[in-house]
Amino acid sequence: MRAIERTVVDSAEIRRVLIRGVNWVGDAVMTTPAIAGIRKTFPRAQISLLVKPWVAGVFAGNPHIDEILIYDGEGRHRGVTGLLRLARELRGYRFDLAILLQNAFEAALLVFLARIPHRVGYNTQGRGLLLTTAVVQDRSTKGLHHVDYYRALLGALTWDQGDRTPTLFLNSGTEDTAKALLEDEGVGPQETLVAFNPGSTYGSAKRWPADRYAALADRLIADLGVKILLTGAKADGRVAGAVRSVARYPERIVDLTGRTDIPLFAAVLKRCTVFVTNDTGAMHVGAAIGVPVVAIFGPTDPRTTSPVGRHVLLRRRVPCSPCLLRECPIDHRCMTGISVDHVVSSIVGIYNTINKVTH
């Protein structure tokens, strides 16, 4: 991997840094190691992060960021006029350096229009001429795990890449709110919790069937005496409702879908023993907060998007996977081939390991 430099960045002269963050929650979590590396490279600089509003919660309390700026693409920054307005706003900050973790052409155009003198990013989507330092994206780069993809951008410039572990930061107030939320739902402090994330905003192809999540809940409640938390965005409410409606012990299942923002969701997960999830942004939040994750993969590629942290990855190898499709055009064999027994076995293994450590 090589960088084409038209201007050389002298870290000693950089006072204000703008990072253009990515637009998806899971990807945002996977940028946290790179952001830590940027802080180490520019320890005395003011570092601002520009992100869409639904991603901002990933970075709440992150000590490597001094300021979060919101790109309101559905409001004041919508369309060409909004882009020009945002460029003018950024110009007022007098940034010395822009680092583009996002690959889009628009990101390079924005910082060019903002007249930021040093502009660094991958040379994707033909945007190399808008960058003052363009890192060449080759075949090996595209095959990297996303965590390493973002770190490799820094490595190409001989900057600190940070370590490889994504991290989220919780404050005591958020943890207190999570405790109160669970208490309101009748969850006692000594109860063992297992969280499920049965939805997926990307499409139904990434979802393990709802009836299997229900059967899994029945097994865990009957065999281990746990309570189940259903988590997800508001849009996942229908899937969560389907899980609860066919389960035999709905009174032991708490539906929290659409009731938590990202920091509160992370705090709730921290209280759980295990997190069972499809390949979603929530999966990466769970891994970053330190809860053991059972990740169910179907149409997506675990080589690039598997969780980083304590996890068990369940996947049935079929010829058509990874297809990366939103909807399965055939029989969803990559997901239906993963049985409830497979998932139970993984959870019991984690459960027994935790009990050995605590006893």
Protein backbone atom coordinates (compact mmCIF):
# COMPACT_ATOMS: atom_id res chain seq x y z
CA MET A 1 0.00 0.00 0.00
CA ARG A 2 1.34 3.42 -0.89
CA ALA A 3 0.36 7.04 -0.43
CA ILE A 4 0.51 9.65 -3.19
CA GLU A 5 1.44 12.86 -1.40
CA ARG A 6 1.14 16.30 -2.94
CA THR A 7 1.69 17.98 0.43
CA VAL A 8 3.52 16.50 3.41
CA VAL A 9 1.73 16.61 6.75
CA ASP A 10 4.00 17.81 9.55
CA SER A 11 2.30 16.65 12.77
CA ALA A 12 4.02 19.39 14.77
CA GLU A 13 2.23 22.05 12.70
CA ILE A 14 -1.26 20.53 12.91
CA ARG A 15 -3.49 22.35 15.40
CA ARG A 16 -7.02 21.41 14.27
CA VAL A 17 -8.03 18.04 12.80
CA LEU A 18 -11.35 17.09 11.22
CA ILE A 19 -12.21 13.40 10.93
CA ARG A 20 -15.04 12.55 8.54
CA GLY A 21 -16.58 9.51 10.19
CA VAL A 22 -18.53 6.69 8.54
CA ASN A 23 -22.30 6.42 8.25
CA TRP A 24 -23.18 3.02 9.77
CA VAL A 25 -23.13 2.09 13.45
CA GLY A 26 -21.09 -1.10 13.07
CA ASP A 27 -18.54 0.61 10.83
CA ALA A 28 -18.37 3.51 13.28
CA VAL A 29 -17.48 1.15 16.12
CA MET A 30 -14.78 -0.38 13.94
CA THR A 31 -13.20 3.06 13.37
CA THR A 32 -12.54 3.61 17.09
CA PRO A 33 -9.05 2.02 17.00
CA ALA A 34 -8.04 4.30 14.09
CA ILE A 35 -9.39 7.33 15.93
CA ALA A 36 -7.29 6.40 18.95
CA GLY A 37 -4.31 6.20 16.60
CA ILE A 38 -5.07 9.68 15.24
CA ARG A 39 -5.08 11.04 18.78
CA LYS A 40 -1.67 9.45 19.44
CA THR A 41 -0.32 10.92 16.21
CA PHE A 42 -1.62 14.41 16.99
CA PRO A 43 -1.68 14.50 20.81
CA ARG A 44 -1.92 18.30 21.11
CA ALA A 45 -4.37 18.95 18.29
CA GLN A 46 -8.06 19.77 18.65
CA ILE A 47 -9.82 16.78 17.05
CA SER A 48 -13.36 17.16 15.71
CA LEU A 49 -15.44 14.30 14.31
CA LEU A 50 -18.09 14.90 11.64
CA VAL A 51 -20.81 12.22 11.54
CA LYS A 52 -24.47 11.68 10.74
CA PRO A 53 -26.73 12.02 13.80
CA TRP A 54 -27.60 8.32 14.15
CA VAL A 55 -23.91 7.43 14.54
CA ALA A 56 -22.94 10.13 17.04
CA GLY A 57 -23.83 8.03 20.09
CA VAL A 58 -21.05 5.56 19.28
CA PHE A 59 -18.53 8.27 20.22
CA ALA A 60 -20.20 9.64 23.35
CA GLY A 61 -17.54 10.12 26.02
CA ASN A 62 -14.70 9.07 23.70
CA PRO A 63 -11.56 10.73 25.13
CA HIS A 64 -9.82 10.75 21.75
CA ILE A 65 -12.35 13.24 20.35
CA ASP A 66 -12.72 16.83 21.52
CA GLU A 67 -15.89 17.67 19.61
CA ILE A 68 -18.63 15.91 17.63
CA LEU A 69 -20.06 17.83 14.67
CA ILE A 70 -23.37 16.67 13.15
CA TYR A 71 -23.86 16.29 9.41
CA ASP A 72 -27.62 16.82 9.20
CA GLY A 73 -28.15 15.30 5.77
CA GLU A 74 -31.93 15.11 6.21
CA GLY A 75 -32.22 18.72 7.39
CA ARG A 76 -30.02 21.81 7.15
CA HIS A 77 -27.29 20.01 5.18
CA ARG A 78 -29.58 18.30 2.69
CA GLY A 79 -28.81 18.40 -1.02
CA VAL A 80 -26.33 20.60 -2.86
CA THR A 81 -27.35 23.72 -0.97
CA GLY A 82 -26.92 21.95 2.33
CA LEU A 83 -23.51 20.61 1.32
CA LEU A 84 -22.35 24.13 0.48
CA ARG A 85 -23.74 25.38 3.80
CA LEU A 86 -21.83 22.68 5.68
CA ALA A 87 -18.63 23.50 3.78
CA ARG A 88 -18.98 27.15 4.84
CA GLU A 89 -19.54 26.08 8.44
CA LEU A 90 -16.44 23.89 8.41
CA ARG A 91 -14.41 26.68 6.85
CA GLY A 92 -15.03 28.75 9.96
CA TYR A 93 -13.24 26.19 12.13
CA ARG A 94 -9.98 26.71 10.21
CA PHE A 95 -9.03 23.04 10.19
CA ASP A 96 -5.45 22.24 9.20
CA LEU A 97 -6.07 18.60 8.32
CA ALA A 98 -9.04 16.47 7.22
CA ILE A 99 -8.85 12.68 7.56
CA LEU A 100 -11.54 10.86 5.60
CA LEU A 101 -12.49 7.50 7.07
CA GLN A 102 -15.54 7.52 4.80
CA ASN A 103 -14.90 6.40 1.22
CA ALA A 104 -17.46 8.56 -0.62
CA PHE A 105 -16.59 11.16 -3.25
CA GLU A 106 -18.82 13.61 -1.39
CA ALA A 107 -16.55 13.48 1.67
CA ALA A 108 -13.56 14.65 -0.39
CA LEU A 109 -15.62 17.31 -2.16
CA LEU A 110 -16.84 18.64 1.18
CA VAL A 111 -13.39 19.14 2.72
CA PHE A 112 -12.10 20.56 -0.58
CA LEU A 113 -14.90 23.13 -0.56
CA ALA A 114 -14.15 23.81 3.12
CA ARG A 115 -10.61 24.79 2.01
CA ILE A 116 -8.88 22.49 4.46
CA PRO A 117 -5.24 22.56 3.33
CA HIS A 118 -4.34 18.91 4.08
CA ARG A 119 -6.89 16.29 2.96
CA VAL A 120 -6.11 12.60 3.51
CA GLY A 121 -8.07 9.49 2.49
CA TYR A 122 -8.26 6.46 0.23
CA ASN A 123 -8.38 7.21 -3.50
CA THR A 124 -11.86 5.66 -3.86
CA GLN A 125 -14.63 6.81 -6.24
CA GLY A 126 -12.21 8.84 -8.38
CA ARG A 127 -11.65 11.42 -5.65
CA GLY A 128 -7.84 11.30 -5.64
CA LEU A 129 -7.44 14.73 -7.24
CA LEU A 130 -9.44 16.33 -4.42
CA LEU A 131 -7.06 14.91 -1.82
CA THR A 132 -3.62 16.24 -0.99
CA THR A 133 -2.59 12.76 0.18
CA ALA A 134 -4.36 9.85 -1.50
CA VAL A 135 -3.73 6.34 -0.19
CA VAL A 136 -4.02 3.77 -2.98
CA GLN A 137 -6.69 1.15 -2.36
CA ASP A 138 -5.54 -2.16 -3.83
CA ARG A 139 -6.92 -5.68 -3.81
CA SER A 140 -5.26 -6.60 -0.51
CA THR A 141 -6.69 -3.50 1.18
CA LYS A 142 -10.24 -4.34 0.11
CA GLY A 143 -9.91 -7.79 1.71
CA LEU A 144 -8.96 -6.47 5.14
CA HIS A 145 -11.22 -6.66 8.13
CA HIS A 146 -12.88 -3.25 8.45
CA VAL A 147 -10.97 -2.49 11.67
CA ASP A 148 -7.69 -3.07 9.82
CA TYR A 149 -8.91 -1.21 6.72
CA TYR A 150 -9.26 2.03 8.67
CA ARG A 151 -6.00 1.45 10.54
CA ALA A 152 -4.19 0.73 7.26
CA LEU A 153 -5.00 4.23 6.03
CA LEU A 154 -2.95 5.59 8.93
CA GLY A 155 -0.24 2.98 8.50
CA ALA A 156 0.31 4.02 4.90
CA LEU A 157 1.24 7.46 6.24
CA THR A 158 3.47 5.96 8.98
CA TRP A 159 1.06 7.34 11.60
CA ASP A 160 0.15 5.51 14.79
CA GLN A 161 -2.60 2.97 14.04
CA GLY A 162 -3.79 2.40 17.60
CA ASP A 163 -4.36 -1.11 18.89
CA ARG A 164 -6.91 -3.36 17.19
CA THR A 165 -9.65 -3.40 19.83
CA PRO A 166 -12.77 -1.26 19.28
CA THR A 167 -13.88 0.52 22.45
CA LEU A 168 -16.95 2.38 23.65
CA PHE A 169 -16.96 4.60 26.72
CA LEU A 170 -19.82 4.68 29.23
CA ASN A 171 -20.39 7.16 32.02
CA SER A 172 -21.93 6.31 35.38
CA GLY A 173 -25.08 8.27 34.59
CA THR A 174 -25.85 6.09 31.58
CA GLU A 175 -25.25 2.93 33.59
CA ASP A 176 -27.61 4.22 36.29
CA THR A 177 -30.25 4.87 33.62
CA ALA A 178 -29.83 1.33 32.30
CA LYS A 179 -30.24 -0.06 35.81
CA ALA A 180 -33.43 1.96 36.33
CA LEU A 181 -34.83 0.84 32.96
CA LEU A 182 -34.30 -2.81 33.83
CA GLU A 183 -35.77 -2.36 37.29
CA ASP A 184 -38.87 -0.79 35.75
CA GLU A 185 -39.22 -3.96 33.66
CA GLY A 186 -39.03 -6.17 36.74
CA VAL A 187 -35.43 -7.27 36.24
CA GLY A 188 -33.74 -7.84 39.59
CA PRO A 189 -30.04 -7.13 40.17
CA GLN A 190 -29.21 -10.82 40.63
CA GLU A 191 -31.02 -12.13 37.55
CA THR A 192 -29.02 -13.57 34.69
CA LEU A 193 -29.77 -11.79 31.41
CA VAL A 194 -29.23 -12.94 27.83
CA ALA A 195 -29.87 -10.32 25.12
CA PHE A 196 -31.11 -11.12 21.62
CA ASN A 197 -30.90 -8.85 18.59
CA PRO A 198 -33.21 -10.61 16.10
CA GLY A 199 -33.59 -7.78 13.58
CA SER A 200 -31.43 -6.25 10.88
CA THR A 201 -31.79 -2.93 9.10
CA TYR A 202 -29.85 -4.24 6.08
CA GLY A 203 -32.51 -6.76 5.08
CA SER A 204 -34.16 -10.06 5.95
CA ALA A 205 -31.31 -12.16 4.53
CA LYS A 206 -29.19 -11.36 7.59
CA ARG A 207 -31.88 -12.49 10.05
CA TRP A 208 -31.88 -15.85 11.75
CA PRO A 209 -35.58 -16.88 11.74
CA ALA A 210 -37.76 -15.35 14.47
CA ASP A 211 -39.25 -18.73 15.42
CA ARG A 212 -35.74 -20.00 16.16
CA TYR A 213 -35.02 -17.03 18.39
CA ALA A 214 -38.27 -17.91 20.20
CA ALA A 215 -37.25 -21.56 20.54
CA LEU A 216 -33.83 -20.44 21.79
CA ALA A 217 -35.49 -18.24 24.41
CA ASP A 218 -37.63 -21.18 25.56
CA ARG A 219 -34.59 -23.42 25.96
CA LEU A 220 -32.52 -20.86 27.86
CA ILE A 221 -35.37 -19.90 30.17
CA ALA A 222 -36.25 -23.54 30.93
CA ASP A 223 -32.68 -24.85 31.27
CA LEU A 224 -30.80 -21.91 32.76
CA GLY A 225 -33.52 -19.79 34.37
CA VAL A 226 -32.42 -16.62 32.55
CA LYS A 227 -34.43 -13.62 31.45
CA ILE A 228 -34.29 -12.60 27.79
CA LEU A 229 -33.93 -9.02 26.57
CA LEU A 230 -35.03 -8.24 23.01
CA THR A 231 -33.04 -5.32 21.63
CA GLY A 232 -32.92 -3.34 18.42
CA ALA A 233 -34.06 -0.17 16.72
CA LYS A 234 -37.69 0.90 16.49
CA ALA A 235 -37.84 -0.68 13.02
CA ASP A 236 -37.04 -4.08 14.59
CA GLY A 237 -40.19 -4.01 16.71
CA ARG A 238 -42.17 -6.29 14.39
CA VAL A 239 -39.46 -8.96 14.42
CA ALA A 240 -39.16 -8.73 18.21
CA GLY A 241 -42.95 -9.01 18.50
CA ALA A 242 -42.88 -12.16 16.37
CA VAL A 243 -40.28 -13.71 18.69
CA ARG A 244 -42.27 -12.93 21.82
CA SER A 245 -45.62 -13.99 20.35
CA VAL A 246 -44.58 -17.60 19.70
CA ALA A 247 -42.37 -18.13 22.77
CA ARG A 248 -43.73 -20.32 25.58
CA TYR A 249 -42.52 -18.00 28.35
CA PRO A 250 -43.30 -14.45 27.17
CA GLU A 251 -43.42 -13.26 30.77
CA ARG A 252 -39.66 -13.95 30.97
CA ILE A 253 -38.95 -11.87 27.84
CA VAL A 254 -38.46 -8.09 28.04
CA ASP A 255 -38.85 -6.13 24.78
CA LEU A 256 -36.57 -3.08 24.69
CA THR A 257 -36.65 -2.49 20.93
CA GLY A 258 -36.74 1.19 20.05
CA ARG A 259 -36.33 2.25 23.69
CA THR A 260 -32.60 2.88 23.91
CA ASP A 261 -30.09 5.11 22.19
CA ILE A 262 -26.60 3.74 21.51
CA PRO A 263 -24.99 4.60 24.88
CA LEU A 264 -28.00 3.28 26.84
CA PHE A 265 -28.09 0.14 24.69
CA ALA A 266 -24.41 -0.43 25.41
CA ALA A 267 -25.02 0.02 29.14
CA VAL A 268 -27.87 -2.52 29.04
CA LEU A 269 -25.65 -5.01 27.22
CA LYS A 270 -22.93 -4.56 29.83
CA ARG A 271 -25.38 -6.01 32.34
CA CYS A 272 -25.89 -9.17 30.21
CA THR A 273 -24.08 -12.50 30.36
CA VAL A 274 -24.33 -13.23 26.62
CA PHE A 275 -25.51 -11.34 23.53
CA VAL A 276 -26.97 -13.35 20.62
CA THR A 277 -27.17 -11.32 17.44
CA ASN A 278 -27.27 -11.31 13.67
CA ASP A 279 -24.48 -9.50 11.82
CA THR A 280 -25.56 -5.94 12.63
CA GLY A 281 -24.17 -2.74 14.07
CA ALA A 282 -25.49 -3.89 17.44
CA MET A 283 -23.13 -6.87 17.24
CA HIS A 284 -20.13 -4.55 17.13
CA VAL A 285 -21.49 -2.44 19.99
CA GLY A 286 -21.76 -5.60 22.10
CA ALA A 287 -18.23 -6.71 21.30
CA ALA A 288 -16.82 -3.25 22.02
CA ILE A 289 -18.54 -3.06 25.40
CA GLY A 290 -17.10 -6.44 26.38
CA VAL A 291 -20.13 -8.74 26.54
CA PRO A 292 -19.50 -12.23 25.06
CA VAL A 293 -21.18 -12.28 21.64
CA VAL A 294 -22.71 -15.20 19.76
CA ALA A 295 -22.74 -13.87 16.19
CA ILE A 296 -24.94 -15.57 13.58
CA PHE A 297 -23.65 -15.00 10.05
CA GLY A 298 -25.37 -15.86 6.79
CA PRO A 299 -25.01 -13.76 3.62
CA THR A 300 -22.20 -11.53 4.90
CA ASP A 301 -18.45 -12.12 5.05
CA PRO A 302 -16.98 -12.67 8.54
CA ARG A 303 -13.47 -12.06 7.18
CA THR A 304 -14.29 -8.36 6.93
CA THR A 305 -17.07 -7.76 9.48
CA SER A 306 -16.75 -10.32 12.30
CA PRO A 307 -16.86 -8.89 15.83
CA VAL A 308 -13.53 -8.08 17.48
CA GLY A 309 -13.58 -9.24 21.08
CA ARG A 310 -14.97 -12.25 22.97
CA HIS A 311 -17.25 -14.01 20.53
CA VAL A 312 -18.40 -17.27 18.98
CA LEU A 313 -19.16 -17.04 15.27
CA LEU A 314 -21.81 -19.39 13.91
CA ARG A 315 -21.99 -19.89 10.18
CA ARG A 316 -23.12 -22.64 7.85
CA ARG A 317 -20.84 -22.88 4.85
CA VAL A 318 -22.94 -23.01 1.68
CA PRO A 319 -21.79 -22.36 -1.91
CA CYS A 320 -23.81 -19.14 -2.29
CA SER A 321 -22.47 -17.41 0.84
CA PRO A 322 -21.29 -14.72 1.23
CA CYS A 323 -23.67 -13.26 -1.36
CA LEU A 324 -24.14 -9.89 0.41
CA LEU A 325 -27.77 -9.74 -0.76
CA ARG A 326 -30.46 -7.97 1.26
CA GLU A 327 -33.10 -10.61 0.52
CA CYS A 328 -32.50 -14.30 -0.16
CA PRO A 329 -33.77 -15.30 -3.62
CA ILE A 330 -33.86 -19.03 -2.79
CA ASP A 331 -34.33 -20.93 0.50
CA HIS A 332 -32.18 -18.95 3.00
CA ARG A 333 -30.11 -22.07 3.59
CA CYS A 334 -27.18 -20.15 5.14
CA MET A 335 -29.44 -19.18 8.06
CA THR A 336 -31.86 -22.12 8.30
CA GLY A 337 -28.84 -24.43 8.42
CA ILE A 338 -27.92 -23.02 11.85
CA SER A 339 -29.96 -24.92 14.41
CA VAL A 340 -31.17 -23.88 17.85
CA ASP A 341 -28.94 -26.62 19.28
CA HIS A 342 -25.89 -24.94 17.70
CA VAL A 343 -26.68 -21.65 19.40
CA VAL A 344 -27.58 -23.25 22.74
CA SER A 345 -24.29 -25.12 22.77
CA SER A 346 -22.34 -21.91 22.22
CA ILE A 347 -24.21 -20.06 24.95
CA VAL A 348 -23.85 -22.89 27.46
CA GLY A 349 -20.10 -22.98 26.74
CA ILE A 350 -19.82 -19.26 27.51
CA TYR A 351 -22.10 -19.61 30.54
CA ASN A 352 -20.03 -22.47 32.01
CA THR A 353 -16.75 -20.63 31.41
CA ILE A 354 -18.05 -17.55 33.24
CA ASN A 355 -19.28 -19.68 36.16
CA LYS A 356 -15.88 -21.38 36.48
CA VAL A 357 -14.14 -17.99 36.56
CA THR A 358 -16.52 -16.57 39.19
CA HIS A 359 -16.44 -19.67 41.36
